[in-house]
Amino acid sequence: MLDNGVETDLDVIRANIDEAEVVSLYFPSLGKTLLIDNRASAHVGPMVRLLPMASSSADRLRSIRRLRPELPRPTSVTWIPWTRRVASLLSLGVWERIIVRFDVHEDPHTPSDAALECLETLRRLELNERRCAITGDRYRTLWQRDAAALD
């Protein structure tokens, strides 16, 4: 499947979500990362959080260690860039895969509610970003000209 000229293999994305201990699903246009950490211990359950995008994979690994110091270093981490609309997470079945991962935990405090809050926040951020693109806030439109350049 092509996405903005980049081929996206949804089967690979789904497999990575199914298998990785930690999934970093990042949204370059929003500057955010949905961090999904499926690791758990007797004292700590799985976690999902919306974070600013990290500048590198090493920075993201450090942030994971800071957020979850009680857990060992993750054995598998996957980074997935998501350049599609937020709604496509649902329509393409990716969101369902994320939620299913939480259902395997017997802990009643699984982060399903937190995941839904993150999804709603992503929707609001995307809507605001689209609004800014339309109005020209923080964007320079194609038809906008520098007045000095016209003289």
Protein backbone atom coordinates (compact mmCIF):
# COMPACT_ATOMS: atom_id res chain seq x y z
CA MET A 1 0.00 0.00 0.00
CA LEU A 2 1.42 3.40 -0.96
CA ASP A 3 1.28 6.25 1.53
CA ASN A 4 2.60 9.63 0.38
CA GLY A 5 4.89 7.84 -2.03
CA VAL A 6 6.16 5.44 0.64
CA GLU A 7 5.14 1.81 0.60
CA THR A 8 3.50 0.68 3.82
CA ASP A 9 3.29 -3.03 4.54
CA LEU A 10 0.38 -3.34 6.97
CA ASP A 11 1.08 -7.03 7.56
CA VAL A 12 4.57 -6.17 8.81
CA ILE A 13 3.19 -3.37 11.01
CA ARG A 14 0.60 -5.69 12.52
CA ALA A 15 3.21 -8.41 13.11
CA ASN A 16 5.51 -5.91 14.82
CA ILE A 17 2.69 -4.74 17.08
CA ASP A 18 1.86 -8.37 17.91
CA GLU A 19 5.45 -9.31 18.76
CA ALA A 20 7.38 -6.30 20.08
CA GLU A 21 7.54 -5.60 23.78
CA VAL A 22 7.62 -1.87 23.10
CA VAL A 23 6.03 -0.13 20.11
CA SER A 24 6.89 3.46 19.28
CA LEU A 25 4.25 4.60 16.82
CA TYR A 26 5.25 8.09 15.80
CA PHE A 27 3.36 10.79 13.96
CA PRO A 28 5.87 13.11 12.23
CA SER A 29 3.23 15.66 11.21
CA LEU A 30 2.07 15.99 14.82
CA GLY A 31 5.46 15.71 16.52
CA LYS A 32 4.06 13.01 18.82
CA THR A 33 4.76 9.38 19.61
CA LEU A 34 2.29 6.84 20.92
CA LEU A 35 4.48 4.72 23.17
CA ILE A 36 3.04 1.27 23.88
CA ASP A 37 4.96 -0.75 26.44
CA ASN A 38 3.50 -4.22 26.89
CA ARG A 39 6.03 -5.28 29.51
CA ALA A 40 4.65 -6.02 32.95
CA SER A 41 5.78 -7.33 36.30
CA ALA A 42 4.06 -8.24 39.56
CA HIS A 43 4.04 -4.54 40.51
CA VAL A 44 3.75 -2.75 37.16
CA GLY A 45 1.31 -3.26 34.33
CA PRO A 46 1.57 -2.40 30.65
CA MET A 47 1.64 1.27 29.69
CA VAL A 48 0.52 3.49 26.84
CA ARG A 49 1.41 7.17 26.66
CA LEU A 50 1.49 10.01 24.21
CA LEU A 51 4.91 11.67 24.25
CA PRO A 52 6.80 14.23 22.20
CA MET A 53 8.73 12.63 19.36
CA ALA A 54 12.27 11.71 20.33
CA SER A 55 15.19 13.03 18.31
CA SER A 56 16.67 9.53 17.95
CA SER A 57 16.07 5.90 18.85
CA ALA A 58 18.72 6.20 21.58
CA ASP A 59 16.81 9.12 23.12
CA ARG A 60 13.59 7.10 23.04
CA LEU A 61 15.28 4.14 24.74
CA ARG A 62 16.58 6.47 27.46
CA SER A 63 13.09 7.90 27.94
CA ILE A 64 11.67 4.38 28.27
CA ARG A 65 14.24 3.59 30.98
CA ARG A 66 13.31 6.83 32.81
CA LEU A 67 9.57 6.13 32.53
CA ARG A 68 9.84 2.49 33.61
CA PRO A 69 12.98 2.09 35.76
CA GLU A 70 11.49 -0.90 37.60
CA LEU A 71 11.47 -2.98 34.42
CA PRO A 72 14.47 -4.49 32.64
CA ARG A 73 15.67 -3.16 29.31
CA PRO A 74 13.18 -4.15 26.57
CA THR A 75 14.29 -7.05 24.41
CA SER A 76 12.31 -5.90 21.38
CA VAL A 77 11.37 -2.39 20.33
CA THR A 78 9.79 -1.39 17.06
CA TRP A 79 9.55 2.08 15.59
CA ILE A 80 6.65 2.68 13.23
CA PRO A 81 6.24 6.00 11.42
CA TRP A 82 2.56 6.77 10.84
CA THR A 83 2.09 9.35 8.09
CA ARG A 84 -1.55 8.56 7.52
CA ARG A 85 -4.53 10.18 9.20
CA VAL A 86 -5.22 9.14 12.78
CA ALA A 87 -8.59 7.65 11.77
CA SER A 88 -6.76 5.19 9.53
CA LEU A 89 -5.39 3.46 12.63
CA LEU A 90 -8.95 2.26 13.18
CA SER A 91 -10.00 1.69 9.58
CA LEU A 92 -6.87 -0.37 8.79
CA GLY A 93 -7.16 -2.53 11.91
CA VAL A 94 -3.96 -1.26 13.53
CA TRP A 95 -5.72 0.17 16.59
CA GLU A 96 -7.50 -3.12 17.22
CA ARG A 97 -4.11 -4.89 17.21
CA ILE A 98 -2.82 -2.45 19.82
CA ILE A 99 -5.83 -2.97 22.10
CA VAL A 100 -5.71 -6.78 21.71
CA ARG A 101 -2.17 -6.73 23.09
CA PHE A 102 -3.49 -5.30 26.35
CA ASP A 103 -6.22 -7.94 26.60
CA VAL A 104 -3.65 -10.70 27.18
CA HIS A 105 -2.79 -9.22 30.58
CA GLU A 106 -4.86 -10.43 33.49
CA ASP A 107 -4.27 -7.16 35.33
CA PRO A 108 -7.58 -5.27 35.66
CA HIS A 109 -5.65 -2.01 35.37
CA THR A 110 -4.65 -2.49 31.73
CA PRO A 111 -4.22 0.82 29.96
CA SER A 112 -7.21 0.54 27.60
CA ASP A 113 -8.71 3.76 28.97
CA ALA A 114 -5.36 5.53 28.66
CA ALA A 115 -5.08 4.26 25.08
CA LEU A 116 -8.48 5.71 24.21
CA GLU A 117 -7.48 9.05 25.78
CA CYS A 118 -4.32 9.03 23.66
CA LEU A 119 -6.36 8.30 20.54
CA GLU A 120 -8.71 11.20 21.29
CA THR A 121 -5.76 13.51 21.91
CA LEU A 122 -4.21 12.47 18.60
CA ARG A 123 -7.52 13.19 16.85
CA ARG A 124 -7.70 16.67 18.42
CA LEU A 125 -4.06 17.42 17.53
CA GLU A 126 -4.63 16.32 13.95
CA LEU A 127 -7.78 18.43 13.65
CA ASN A 128 -5.93 21.45 15.01
CA GLU A 129 -3.02 20.83 12.63
CA ARG A 130 -5.39 20.65 9.66
CA ARG A 131 -7.10 23.84 10.82
CA CYS A 132 -3.71 25.59 11.02
CA ALA A 133 -2.78 24.37 7.55
CA ILE A 134 -6.03 25.74 6.11
CA THR A 135 -5.79 29.11 7.87
CA GLY A 136 -2.05 29.48 7.33
CA ASP A 137 -1.16 29.55 11.04
CA ARG A 138 2.39 28.16 11.37
CA TYR A 139 2.24 27.34 7.64
CA ARG A 140 3.17 29.26 4.55
CA THR A 141 0.68 28.66 1.80
CA LEU A 142 1.72 28.04 -1.79
CA TRP A 143 -0.06 31.19 -2.95
CA GLN A 144 1.32 33.42 -0.24
CA ARG A 145 3.97 35.76 -1.59
CA ASP A 146 6.48 37.89 0.16
CA ALA A 147 5.39 41.49 -0.52
CA ALA A 148 9.02 42.59 -0.92
CA ALA A 149 9.60 39.93 -3.60
CA LEU A 150 6.74 41.31 -5.71
CA ASP A 151 8.29 44.79 -6.00
